[in-house]
Amino acid sequence: MKKQILLSAFSIFCFAKMTAQNPSLTTQSISIFKNGQAFYLKSGTLKPTNGKFLLPDPAPKALYGTLWFSSPEGSLTRVASYPDTLREQKTEAAVAIWDLLRSNIGKTMTGYLSEKPEVSGTLVSISPSHKNEKGEPQYSAQSLVTIQSQQGSWTTIPAGKIQYVLFGSKPTLDFSLQKVTPRHLFEVSFNNKKGEQPFDMMYLANGLNWAPEYLLELTGETTGTLVLQGEVANDAEDIASTTVNLVVGVPNFAYANRLAYLVDFLRVASPIALTERYNANFSNALMSQQVAYGGDMETMAGPEEAEGSRNEDLYFYTLKNFSLPKGGRSMQPIFREKVDVAHIYECQLPGNNDNERYYEPEFLFTPQVNKTFHTLRLENKTKQPWTTAPIFVLNTQGERRPISQDLLTYTPTGGKTFVKLTEAVEVKVEQAERETSRQTAAWTDKRRGFSFDLVQVEGKVKVKNFKDKQLDLRLQRTIVGNLKKTTVEWLKEEVINPNNPRNRKTNVCWETPIKANSELEIVYTYEIYVPSF
């Protein structure tokens, strides 16, 4: 395909300077977050003319407040951007009658029509049928074709009426098409006229994302291998032999929710956007990190595993010499570690509430069965945190067989996490409560005029193990009320109860073994203030 370029006077001047200077900014590193944003560091040596230099188009789609330029020598005075238009005159093969006629004005022809037999003569002109939104002429079946016969008569017909054409000489089979492309010019100014200027640029932009995935291979009853890989999706710009950091953590880029003024040529940014605080768009795990227990917290390359380093509350997996073209996808191994595995049988019991006025006088065990799950407890003894990601579990003892897929939650170094495998149908857990005593109108809320009874409650959990081996149990429940005693030691985590300050709210957890083919009974007590009858 042939191409000719027509530019305005200013564009020709700018393009000539840009070509002569042969600018080269090299990407030094890219830090990719799991929210689809990435931070770029670029540097190079510019060759300005009379203290000015034009950066090549396209400009980075940098986000507000993150686009920064600097010169190590302190000579940079400003960076300005200007809208411009690139007009390209392209030659393409004719695919329609009206395109073919446009390229053969002045030639003798015979047009065979759909209604009349034919029309012959010299092709005089073909007119545009309409203009596009930019005011440029367009041609179609409605374009009017004018032909002058040898007898001097004139015929004008729509181009769409001509079925095919016979030319008196070899026709031109392609036509000229002008393509108009908007572009932006970036002018860098220095306070001296040195021939070379070191230059740095950094910015945050959308379009580059990574997602972690775990594989857990169970190699023994208490051992396993944990593998982390990262999928990288590049919809931003070409990456060539660059240091890339895959970031674990929750970044706080509070105002990076629109383009920087310097690169925002499509709209005028609303000042309201500057005052709106950043919401949940940047939660950084699938998209939000979770801790294993007790609330929310953080949440084409070579085959080498990634190096790791910490920067404040963020952790960086570093890939060396990473390459991936725009539009490309990559799967990158990050680490492979041996881990200790503990098999736990876990059940989440339903909680109570302080609006319940009545308790049974005796234990009433309902037929409802509380689901018990066979889970794995993993302890992070590695040097890096485990980010939140899906985990695929295989048993590699003999034939490799899939077991489950679950979510591995964020686990700091030294922390523990739990991964569900399957429902344990051979472990049955029942729970019931009864009222042992009641003190009527023990407390009155004078502000609201409500009276509350103080009820002493006894709870019982019965566990039956139908397996022929000893199991480790982990039973959890949220109890509203003031805890008293338990026959099996419990772990306690108190949480805020805004509904009734008289009643505490506590997450409790019993961790205890149960022998093969046996039963276990846990009895506990607490007191709770409930509305009086």
Protein backbone atom coordinates (compact mmCIF):
# COMPACT_ATOMS: atom_id res chain seq x y z
CA MET A 1 0.00 0.00 0.00
CA LYS A 2 1.36 3.42 -0.92
CA LYS A 3 1.16 6.27 1.59
CA GLN A 4 1.81 9.99 1.30
CA ILE A 5 1.76 12.40 4.23
CA LEU A 6 0.36 15.91 4.14
CA LEU A 7 0.87 18.07 7.21
CA SER A 8 0.07 21.60 8.24
CA ALA A 9 3.02 23.99 8.39
CA PHE A 10 3.25 23.71 12.16
CA SER A 11 2.98 19.92 12.00
CA ILE A 12 5.72 19.69 9.36
CA PHE A 13 8.01 21.77 11.55
CA CYS A 14 7.27 19.66 14.62
CA PHE A 15 7.55 16.36 12.80
CA ALA A 16 10.85 17.34 11.22
CA LYS A 17 12.30 18.29 14.59
CA MET A 18 11.04 15.11 16.18
CA THR A 19 12.48 12.92 13.44
CA ALA A 20 15.84 14.65 13.44
CA GLN A 21 16.17 14.43 17.22
CA ASN A 22 15.38 10.67 17.27
CA PRO A 23 14.05 10.69 20.84
CA SER A 24 14.43 7.61 22.98
CA LEU A 25 12.80 7.21 26.40
CA THR A 26 13.44 3.79 27.87
CA THR A 27 11.05 2.22 30.35
CA GLN A 28 13.12 1.47 33.45
CA SER A 29 10.44 -0.29 35.48
CA ILE A 30 6.69 -0.90 35.70
CA SER A 31 4.82 -1.68 38.92
CA ILE A 32 1.51 -3.43 38.22
CA PHE A 33 -1.35 -3.40 40.72
CA LYS A 34 -4.26 -5.83 40.76
CA ASN A 35 -6.81 -3.05 40.12
CA GLY A 36 -5.80 -2.56 36.47
CA GLN A 37 -3.37 0.31 37.09
CA ALA A 38 0.39 0.44 36.63
CA PHE A 39 3.15 2.88 37.55
CA TYR A 40 5.76 3.61 34.86
CA LEU A 41 9.30 4.97 35.27
CA LYS A 42 10.98 6.13 32.05
CA SER A 43 14.23 7.95 31.32
CA GLY A 44 16.51 8.86 28.45
CA THR A 45 18.64 11.55 26.86
CA LEU A 46 16.89 14.16 24.71
CA LYS A 47 18.51 16.21 21.94
CA PRO A 48 16.67 19.54 21.98
CA THR A 49 16.88 22.30 19.39
CA ASN A 50 17.26 25.78 20.86
CA GLY A 51 16.27 24.45 24.27
CA LYS A 52 13.06 22.76 23.06
CA PHE A 53 12.17 19.17 22.32
CA LEU A 54 9.03 17.42 21.02
CA LEU A 55 8.11 14.13 22.66
CA PRO A 56 6.70 11.53 20.25
CA ASP A 57 3.00 10.79 20.00
CA PRO A 58 1.05 9.00 21.44
CA ALA A 59 1.16 10.51 24.88
CA PRO A 60 0.75 8.25 27.92
CA LYS A 61 -2.79 8.14 29.33
CA ALA A 62 -1.48 9.33 32.66
CA LEU A 63 -3.86 9.73 35.59
CA TYR A 64 -4.36 12.97 37.50
CA GLY A 65 -1.65 13.88 39.99
CA THR A 66 0.73 11.09 38.94
CA LEU A 67 2.36 12.54 35.79
CA TRP A 68 5.77 14.03 36.61
CA PHE A 69 8.72 15.15 34.48
CA SER A 70 12.20 16.00 35.72
CA SER A 71 15.74 16.62 34.59
CA PRO A 72 18.58 15.36 36.81
CA GLU A 73 20.49 18.56 35.97
CA GLY A 74 17.57 20.78 37.04
CA SER A 75 17.31 22.43 33.62
CA LEU A 76 13.67 21.56 32.85
CA THR A 77 11.43 24.65 32.82
CA ARG A 78 8.09 23.32 31.55
CA VAL A 79 6.20 20.69 29.52
CA ALA A 80 3.28 21.84 27.36
CA SER A 81 0.88 19.91 25.11
CA TYR A 82 -0.96 21.00 21.95
CA PRO A 83 -3.67 19.34 19.84
CA ASP A 84 -2.68 18.73 16.22
CA THR A 85 -3.91 16.85 13.15
CA LEU A 86 -2.05 14.30 11.04
CA ARG A 87 -3.44 14.07 7.47
CA GLU A 88 -2.39 11.00 5.51
CA GLN A 89 -3.16 10.61 1.78
CA LYS A 90 -3.49 6.88 1.21
CA THR A 91 -3.93 4.96 -2.03
CA GLU A 92 -6.24 1.93 -1.84
CA ALA A 93 -7.69 -0.54 -4.32
CA ALA A 94 -11.13 0.44 -5.64
CA VAL A 95 -13.88 -1.84 -4.32
CA ALA A 96 -16.92 0.09 -5.60
CA ILE A 97 -17.97 1.65 -8.95
CA TRP A 98 -17.89 5.18 -7.52
CA ASP A 99 -14.32 4.70 -6.23
CA LEU A 100 -13.19 3.41 -9.63
CA LEU A 101 -14.83 6.36 -11.46
CA ARG A 102 -13.15 8.91 -9.16
CA SER A 103 -9.73 7.70 -10.33
CA ASN A 104 -10.52 7.76 -14.06
CA ILE A 105 -11.90 11.26 -14.73
CA GLY A 106 -11.29 12.30 -18.39
CA LYS A 107 -11.23 8.78 -19.82
CA THR A 108 -13.70 7.44 -22.38
CA MET A 109 -16.04 4.83 -21.00
CA THR A 110 -19.21 2.89 -21.55
CA GLY A 111 -21.38 2.37 -18.52
CA TYR A 112 -23.87 -0.49 -18.63
CA LEU A 113 -26.94 0.50 -16.63
CA SER A 114 -29.62 -1.38 -14.77
CA GLU A 115 -32.43 0.45 -16.65
CA LYS A 116 -31.01 1.68 -20.02
CA PRO A 117 -28.78 -0.39 -22.29
CA GLU A 118 -25.68 1.76 -21.92
CA VAL A 119 -24.24 5.28 -21.83
CA SER A 120 -20.95 6.18 -23.55
CA GLY A 121 -18.64 9.17 -23.65
CA THR A 122 -15.99 10.99 -21.67
CA LEU A 123 -16.18 10.73 -17.87
CA VAL A 124 -16.37 14.38 -16.81
CA SER A 125 -16.97 14.24 -13.05
CA ILE A 126 -18.36 12.40 -10.04
CA SER A 127 -19.74 14.48 -7.18
CA PRO A 128 -19.69 13.67 -3.45
CA SER A 129 -22.98 12.36 -2.07
CA HIS A 130 -22.52 13.85 1.43
CA LYS A 131 -20.01 15.04 3.99
CA ASN A 132 -19.00 13.37 7.23
CA GLU A 133 -19.02 15.01 10.68
CA LYS A 134 -15.64 16.60 9.92
CA GLY A 135 -16.94 18.21 6.71
CA GLU A 136 -14.97 15.91 4.43
CA PRO A 137 -16.58 14.77 1.13
CA GLN A 138 -17.84 11.19 0.97
CA TYR A 139 -18.82 9.08 -2.05
CA SER A 140 -21.51 6.43 -2.36
CA ALA A 141 -24.14 4.95 -4.70
CA GLN A 142 -25.93 8.34 -4.64
CA SER A 143 -22.90 10.20 -6.06
CA LEU A 144 -23.81 11.79 -9.42
CA VAL A 145 -21.71 10.77 -12.46
CA THR A 146 -21.57 13.16 -15.47
CA ILE A 147 -20.64 11.84 -18.95
CA GLN A 148 -20.33 13.82 -22.23
CA SER A 149 -21.05 11.85 -25.42
CA GLN A 150 -19.22 12.28 -28.75
CA GLN A 151 -22.30 14.04 -30.11
CA GLY A 152 -21.96 16.68 -27.35
CA SER A 153 -24.87 15.57 -25.18
CA TRP A 154 -24.51 15.32 -21.41
CA THR A 155 -25.77 12.55 -19.15
CA THR A 156 -25.85 12.62 -15.34
CA ILE A 157 -26.78 9.44 -13.45
CA PRO A 158 -26.32 8.08 -9.90
CA ALA A 159 -23.23 5.90 -9.57
CA GLY A 160 -25.35 3.09 -8.14
CA LYS A 161 -27.21 2.73 -11.46
CA ILE A 162 -24.04 1.63 -13.29
CA GLN A 163 -23.67 -2.16 -13.21
CA TYR A 164 -20.22 -2.36 -14.84
CA VAL A 165 -17.89 -0.17 -16.94
CA LEU A 166 -15.98 -0.61 -20.22
CA PHE A 167 -13.02 1.80 -20.56
CA GLY A 168 -11.39 2.82 -23.83
CA SER A 169 -7.91 2.57 -22.26
CA LYS A 170 -6.34 0.89 -19.22
CA PRO A 171 -8.08 2.29 -16.12
CA THR A 172 -6.54 3.24 -12.81
CA LEU A 173 -7.67 0.53 -10.38
CA ASP A 174 -7.02 2.31 -7.11
CA PHE A 175 -8.13 5.60 -5.63
CA SER A 176 -6.83 8.25 -3.26
CA LEU A 177 -8.26 8.50 0.27
CA GLN A 178 -7.38 11.08 2.89
CA LYS A 179 -7.18 9.84 6.48
CA VAL A 180 -7.32 12.49 9.23
CA THR A 181 -5.95 11.45 12.62
CA PRO A 182 -5.94 13.70 15.67
CA ARG A 183 -2.71 13.67 17.64
CA HIS A 184 -1.02 15.59 20.43
CA LEU A 185 2.33 17.34 20.51
CA PHE A 186 4.31 17.61 23.75
CA GLU A 187 6.94 20.29 23.95
CA VAL A 188 9.68 20.08 26.59
CA SER A 189 11.55 23.32 27.36
CA PHE A 190 14.94 23.66 29.04
CA ASN A 191 16.67 26.76 30.45
CA ASN A 192 19.80 26.23 28.37
CA LYS A 193 20.67 25.25 24.79
CA LYS A 194 22.79 22.18 25.50
CA GLY A 195 22.72 19.57 22.75
CA GLU A 196 21.80 16.75 25.12
CA GLN A 197 19.54 16.78 28.19
CA PRO A 198 18.89 13.85 30.57
CA PHE A 199 15.16 13.47 31.13
CA ASP A 200 12.91 11.41 33.44
CA MET A 201 9.17 10.78 33.34
CA MET A 202 6.84 8.85 35.66
CA TYR A 203 3.10 8.30 35.69
CA LEU A 204 0.25 6.02 36.72
CA ALA A 205 -2.06 4.68 33.98
CA ASN A 206 -4.86 2.20 33.42
CA GLY A 207 -4.77 -0.80 31.11
CA LEU A 208 -2.16 -3.09 32.67
CA ASN A 209 -3.31 -5.70 35.17
CA TRP A 210 -2.18 -8.86 36.91
CA ALA A 211 -4.06 -11.62 38.70
CA PRO A 212 -2.48 -14.22 41.02
CA GLU A 213 -3.31 -17.95 41.05
CA TYR A 214 -2.20 -20.65 43.49
CA LEU A 215 -1.68 -24.38 43.07
CA LEU A 216 -1.38 -26.58 46.18
CA GLU A 217 0.05 -30.05 45.55
CA LEU A 218 -0.51 -32.39 48.52
CA THR A 219 2.61 -34.57 48.62
CA GLY A 220 1.91 -36.22 51.98
CA GLU A 221 -0.46 -36.20 54.93
CA THR A 222 1.20 -33.12 56.45
CA THR A 223 3.26 -31.75 53.54
CA GLY A 224 2.56 -29.92 50.33
CA THR A 225 4.00 -27.63 47.67
CA LEU A 226 2.48 -24.19 47.13
CA VAL A 227 2.97 -22.63 43.69
CA LEU A 228 2.09 -19.05 42.79
CA GLN A 229 1.82 -17.80 39.23
CA GLY A 230 0.65 -14.45 37.90
CA GLU A 231 -1.40 -13.75 34.78
CA VAL A 232 -0.53 -10.42 33.18
CA ALA A 233 -2.92 -8.67 30.76
CA ASN A 234 -1.41 -5.80 28.79
CA ASP A 235 -3.85 -3.39 27.13
CA ALA A 236 -1.67 -0.31 27.67
CA GLU A 237 1.59 -0.20 25.67
CA ASP A 238 4.37 -2.48 24.44
CA ILE A 239 6.74 -3.81 27.11
CA ALA A 240 10.23 -4.83 25.99
CA SER A 241 12.94 -6.28 28.30
CA THR A 242 11.72 -4.26 31.27
CA THR A 243 11.81 -4.80 35.02
CA VAL A 244 8.21 -5.44 36.08
CA ASN A 245 6.95 -5.51 39.68
CA LEU A 246 3.76 -7.41 40.54
CA VAL A 247 2.43 -5.61 43.61
CA VAL A 248 0.67 -7.19 46.58
CA GLY A 249 -1.20 -4.73 48.77
CA VAL A 250 -3.89 -2.07 48.79
CA PRO A 251 -2.70 1.19 47.18
CA ASN A 252 -4.27 4.53 47.99
CA PHE A 253 -4.35 6.62 44.81
CA ALA A 254 -7.14 8.88 46.03
CA TYR A 255 -7.50 11.21 43.01
CA ALA A 256 -6.21 9.06 40.15
CA ASN A 257 -9.72 8.55 38.79
CA ARG A 258 -9.38 10.66 35.64
CA LEU A 259 -6.74 11.73 33.12
CA ALA A 260 -4.19 14.42 33.86
CA TYR A 261 -4.95 17.80 32.24
CA LEU A 262 -1.86 17.54 30.05
CA VAL A 263 -3.21 14.45 28.24
CA ASP A 264 -6.96 15.07 28.56
CA PHE A 265 -7.87 16.46 25.14
CA LEU A 266 -11.28 14.78 24.89
CA ARG A 267 -13.16 16.57 27.68
CA VAL A 268 -12.80 19.25 30.30
CA ALA A 269 -12.29 17.58 33.66
CA SER A 270 -14.94 18.45 36.20
CA PRO A 271 -13.61 20.21 39.33
CA ILE A 272 -16.08 18.11 41.30
CA ALA A 273 -13.90 15.08 40.63
CA LEU A 274 -11.13 16.69 42.63
CA THR A 275 -13.24 16.85 45.77
CA GLU A 276 -14.74 13.38 45.60
CA ARG A 277 -12.83 10.97 47.78
CA TYR A 278 -11.73 7.76 46.21
CA ASN A 279 -14.11 4.86 46.89
CA ALA A 280 -13.69 1.09 46.75
CA ASN A 281 -12.30 0.96 43.21
CA PHE A 282 -8.81 0.17 44.38
CA SER A 283 -9.38 -2.78 46.67
CA ASN A 284 -6.58 -5.01 45.58
CA ALA A 285 -7.61 -8.61 45.50
CA LEU A 286 -9.82 -10.27 43.07
CA MET A 287 -10.52 -7.28 43.91
CA SER A 288 -10.28 -7.27 47.76
CA GLN A 289 -7.80 -8.73 50.17
CA GLN A 290 -9.00 -10.57 53.27
CA VAL A 291 -7.26 -12.01 56.29
CA ALA A 292 -7.63 -15.65 57.07
CA TYR A 293 -9.56 -15.03 60.29
CA GLY A 294 -10.79 -12.06 62.24
CA GLY A 295 -11.67 -9.23 59.84
CA ASP A 296 -10.35 -7.40 56.76
CA MET A 297 -6.78 -6.28 56.17
CA GLU A 298 -4.78 -6.00 52.95
CA THR A 299 -6.13 -7.21 50.84
CA MET A 300 6.79 -12.91 27.39
CA ALA A 301 9.11 -13.42 30.29
CA GLY A 302 11.79 -15.88 31.21
CA PRO A 303 11.05 -19.00 33.32
CA GLU A 304 12.92 -17.76 36.40
CA GLU A 305 10.95 -17.27 39.60
CA ALA A 306 10.32 -13.71 40.70
CA GLU A 307 12.39 -11.96 43.32
CA GLY A 308 10.56 -10.27 46.18
CA SER A 309 10.96 -7.11 48.25
CA ARG A 310 8.89 -5.01 50.63
CA ASN A 311 8.16 -1.29 50.42
CA GLU A 312 6.18 -0.01 53.39
CA ASP A 313 2.91 -2.03 53.41
CA LEU A 314 3.28 -3.19 49.79
CA TYR A 315 5.15 -6.24 48.58
CA PHE A 316 6.75 -6.45 45.14
CA TYR A 317 7.41 -9.60 43.12
CA THR A 318 10.06 -8.54 40.60
CA LEU A 319 10.37 -9.97 37.09
CA LYS A 320 13.56 -9.22 35.15
CA ASN A 321 13.68 -8.61 31.38
CA PHE A 322 9.93 -8.95 30.98
CA SER A 323 8.46 -8.47 27.49
CA LEU A 324 4.84 -8.39 26.38
CA PRO A 325 3.35 -6.49 23.41
CA LYS A 326 0.20 -4.41 23.77
CA GLY A 327 -2.81 -6.70 23.62
CA GLY A 328 -0.73 -9.64 24.85
CA ARG A 329 -1.28 -11.98 27.77
CA SER A 330 1.35 -13.78 29.85
CA MET A 331 1.47 -16.39 32.60
CA GLN A 332 4.48 -15.97 34.88
CA PRO A 333 5.76 -18.34 37.62
CA ILE A 334 6.48 -16.40 40.81
CA PHE A 335 7.46 -18.86 43.54
CA ARG A 336 7.34 -22.54 44.54
CA GLU A 337 7.56 -23.29 48.26
CA LYS A 338 7.25 -26.30 50.55
CA VAL A 339 4.47 -25.85 53.14
CA ASP A 340 3.23 -27.69 56.22
CA VAL A 341 -0.37 -28.87 55.99
CA ALA A 342 -2.80 -29.66 58.82
CA HIS A 343 -6.20 -31.27 58.18
CA ILE A 344 -8.98 -29.55 60.14
CA TYR A 345 -12.71 -30.30 60.26
CA GLU A 346 -14.46 -26.97 60.49
CA CYS A 347 -18.05 -25.99 61.27
CA GLN A 348 -19.62 -22.52 61.49
CA LEU A 349 -22.51 -22.68 63.97
CA PRO A 350 -25.41 -20.21 63.63
CA GLY A 351 -25.28 -17.32 66.09
CA ASN A 352 -27.90 -15.96 68.47
CA ASN A 353 -29.38 -12.45 68.81
CA ASP A 354 -30.47 -10.18 71.67
CA ASN A 355 -34.00 -9.69 70.32
CA GLU A 356 -34.93 -13.26 71.12
CA ARG A 357 -37.14 -13.08 74.24
CA TYR A 358 -37.84 -16.76 74.77
CA TYR A 359 -35.49 -19.71 75.31
CA GLU A 360 -36.48 -23.37 75.58
CA PRO A 361 -36.49 -24.81 79.11
CA GLU A 362 -34.74 -27.95 77.86
CA PHE A 363 -32.27 -28.74 75.09
CA LEU A 364 -34.08 -29.15 71.77
CA PHE A 365 -31.81 -30.60 69.10
CA THR A 366 -33.44 -30.03 65.72
CA PRO A 367 -32.96 -32.30 62.68
CA GLN A 368 -31.13 -29.44 60.96
CA VAL A 369 -27.53 -30.49 60.34
CA ASN A 370 -24.71 -27.94 60.53
CA LYS A 371 -22.38 -28.43 57.58
CA THR A 372 -18.86 -29.49 58.45
CA PHE A 373 -16.04 -28.94 55.98
CA HIS A 374 -12.74 -30.73 55.62
CA THR A 375 -10.27 -27.84 55.42
CA LEU A 376 -6.53 -27.40 55.27
CA ARG A 377 -4.66 -25.11 57.63
CA LEU A 378 -1.56 -23.59 56.04
CA GLU A 379 1.07 -21.60 57.89
CA ASN A 380 3.09 -19.05 55.96
CA LYS A 381 6.73 -19.68 56.84
CA THR A 382 8.01 -18.11 53.63
CA LYS A 383 9.65 -14.70 53.31
CA GLN A 384 6.77 -13.12 51.41
CA PRO A 385 3.06 -12.60 52.17
CA TRP A 386 0.44 -14.65 50.38
CA THR A 387 -1.93 -12.43 48.44
CA THR A 388 -5.63 -13.20 48.09
CA ALA A 389 -6.22 -15.45 45.08
CA PRO A 390 -7.99 -18.65 43.99
CA ILE A 391 -6.20 -21.84 44.95
CA PHE A 392 -6.47 -25.15 43.10
CA VAL A 393 -5.74 -28.23 45.23
CA LEU A 394 -4.33 -31.50 43.82
CA ASN A 395 -3.42 -34.75 45.52
CA THR A 396 -0.12 -35.87 43.99
CA GLN A 397 0.31 -39.03 46.09
CA GLY A 398 0.18 -41.48 43.20
CA GLU A 399 -2.01 -40.27 40.34
CA ARG A 400 -2.52 -36.50 40.25
CA ARG A 401 -6.16 -35.93 41.16
CA PRO A 402 -8.09 -32.69 41.67
CA ILE A 403 -9.69 -32.13 45.07
CA SER A 404 -11.09 -28.61 45.20
CA GLN A 405 -10.75 -24.95 44.35
CA ASP A 406 -11.19 -22.31 47.03
CA LEU A 407 -9.97 -18.82 47.96
CA LEU A 408 -6.66 -18.44 49.74
CA THR A 409 -6.98 -15.23 51.75
CA TYR A 410 -4.19 -12.75 52.43
CA THR A 411 -1.72 -14.29 54.85
CA PRO A 412 1.29 -12.36 56.18
CA THR A 413 4.58 -14.08 56.95
CA GLY A 414 4.02 -16.11 60.13
CA GLY A 415 0.24 -16.10 59.70
CA LYS A 416 -2.18 -18.96 59.13
CA THR A 417 -4.97 -19.45 56.63
CA PHE A 418 -7.65 -22.07 55.92
CA VAL A 419 -8.59 -23.62 52.58
CA LYS A 420 -11.85 -25.57 52.22
CA LEU A 421 -11.62 -28.94 50.51
CA THR A 422 -14.93 -30.82 50.70
CA GLU A 423 -17.98 -31.20 52.89
CA ALA A 424 -17.33 -33.84 55.58
CA VAL A 425 -20.48 -35.96 55.56
CA GLU A 426 -19.03 -38.38 58.17
CA VAL A 427 -18.88 -35.68 60.84
CA LYS A 428 -22.20 -34.61 62.38
CA VAL A 429 -22.51 -31.45 64.51
CA GLU A 430 -25.63 -30.51 66.51
CA GLN A 431 -26.26 -27.53 68.75
CA ALA A 432 -29.00 -26.46 71.18
CA GLU A 433 -29.53 -24.02 74.06
CA ARG A 434 -31.78 -23.79 77.09
CA GLU A 435 -32.72 -21.21 79.68
CA THR A 436 -31.57 -22.03 83.24
CA SER A 437 -32.81 -18.90 85.07
CA ARG A 438 -34.31 -15.46 84.45
CA GLN A 439 -34.20 -12.20 86.44
CA THR A 440 -37.22 -10.15 85.42
CA ALA A 441 -36.73 -6.41 84.70
CA ALA A 442 -33.07 -6.63 85.67
CA TRP A 443 -32.29 -3.44 83.73
CA THR A 444 -34.35 -0.53 82.40
CA ASP A 445 -33.33 1.67 79.53
CA LYS A 446 -34.62 4.93 80.95
CA ARG A 447 -33.98 6.85 77.73
CA ARG A 448 -36.26 4.59 75.70
CA GLY A 449 -38.41 3.30 78.55
CA PHE A 450 -37.71 -0.41 77.85
CA SER A 451 -37.15 -3.10 80.46
CA PHE A 452 -34.85 -6.09 79.97
CA ASP A 453 -34.69 -9.48 81.63
CA LEU A 454 -31.37 -11.07 82.48
CA VAL A 455 -31.40 -14.67 81.22
CA GLN A 456 -28.85 -17.35 82.10
CA VAL A 457 -28.31 -19.61 79.05
CA GLU A 458 -26.66 -23.01 78.80
CA GLY A 459 -25.54 -24.21 75.37
CA LYS A 460 -24.49 -27.64 74.22
CA VAL A 461 -22.67 -28.79 71.08
CA LYS A 462 -22.63 -32.50 70.22
CA VAL A 463 -20.18 -33.84 67.64
CA LYS A 464 -20.19 -37.37 66.24
CA ASN A 465 -17.16 -38.67 64.34
CA PHE A 466 -18.05 -41.61 62.09
CA LYS A 467 -14.53 -41.85 60.63
CA ASP A 468 -12.07 -44.51 61.78
CA LYS A 469 -9.38 -41.96 62.58
CA GLN A 470 -8.91 -39.10 65.02
CA LEU A 471 -9.82 -35.65 63.68
CA ASP A 472 -8.95 -32.09 64.65
CA LEU A 473 -12.10 -29.97 65.07
CA ARG A 474 -12.54 -26.23 64.67
CA LEU A 475 -16.01 -25.03 65.69
CA GLN A 476 -16.92 -21.34 65.40
CA ARG A 477 -19.89 -19.35 66.64
CA THR A 478 -20.83 -15.72 67.28
CA ILE A 479 -22.49 -15.29 70.69
CA VAL A 480 -24.33 -12.15 71.80
CA GLY A 481 -24.16 -11.99 75.61
CA ASN A 482 -21.62 -12.09 78.41
CA LEU A 483 -19.63 -15.34 78.32
CA LYS A 484 -19.28 -17.44 81.46
CA LYS A 485 -17.89 -20.99 81.30
CA THR A 486 -17.07 -23.73 78.80
CA THR A 487 -16.07 -27.36 79.26
CA VAL A 488 -13.66 -27.11 76.29
CA GLU A 489 -11.38 -24.10 76.16
CA TRP A 490 -12.43 -21.52 73.60
CA LEU A 491 -10.66 -18.72 71.73
CA LYS A 492 -12.47 -15.40 72.03
CA GLU A 493 -12.56 -12.27 69.86
CA GLU A 494 -14.87 -9.50 71.05
CA VAL A 495 -16.54 -7.29 68.44
CA ILE A 496 -18.65 -4.15 68.74
CA ASN A 497 -22.36 -4.63 69.41
CA PRO A 498 -24.06 -1.27 68.67
CA ASN A 499 -27.60 -2.59 69.26
CA ASN A 500 -27.33 -3.24 73.00
CA PRO A 501 -24.31 -2.07 75.02
CA ARG A 502 -25.35 -4.34 77.90
CA ASN A 503 -24.68 -7.41 75.78
CA ARG A 504 -21.23 -8.13 74.49
CA LYS A 505 -20.74 -9.75 71.08
CA THR A 506 -17.99 -12.33 70.79
CA ASN A 507 -16.65 -14.64 68.09
CA VAL A 508 -15.71 -17.89 69.82
CA CYS A 509 -13.74 -20.81 68.43
CA TRP A 510 -13.24 -24.28 69.90
CA GLU A 511 -10.21 -26.15 68.59
CA THR A 512 -10.07 -29.69 69.92
CA PRO A 513 -9.41 -33.28 68.73
CA ILE A 514 -12.11 -35.96 68.56
CA LYS A 515 -11.25 -39.65 68.63
CA ALA A 516 -12.17 -42.13 65.91
CA ASN A 517 -15.80 -43.39 65.96
CA SER A 518 -16.62 -41.36 69.06
CA GLU A 519 -18.73 -38.46 70.33
CA LEU A 520 -17.70 -35.13 71.85
CA GLU A 521 -19.88 -32.85 73.93
CA ILE A 522 -19.14 -29.19 74.67
CA VAL A 523 -21.19 -27.35 77.31
CA TYR A 524 -20.94 -23.58 77.74
CA THR A 525 -22.87 -20.82 79.54
CA TYR A 526 -23.50 -17.10 79.10
CA GLU A 527 -25.97 -14.46 80.24
CA ILE A 528 -27.93 -12.12 78.03
CA TYR A 529 -30.28 -9.17 78.45
CA VAL A 530 -33.47 -9.68 76.43
CA PRO A 531 -36.60 -7.48 76.15
CA SER A 532 -39.09 -8.21 78.94
CA PHE A 533 -42.42 -9.83 78.08
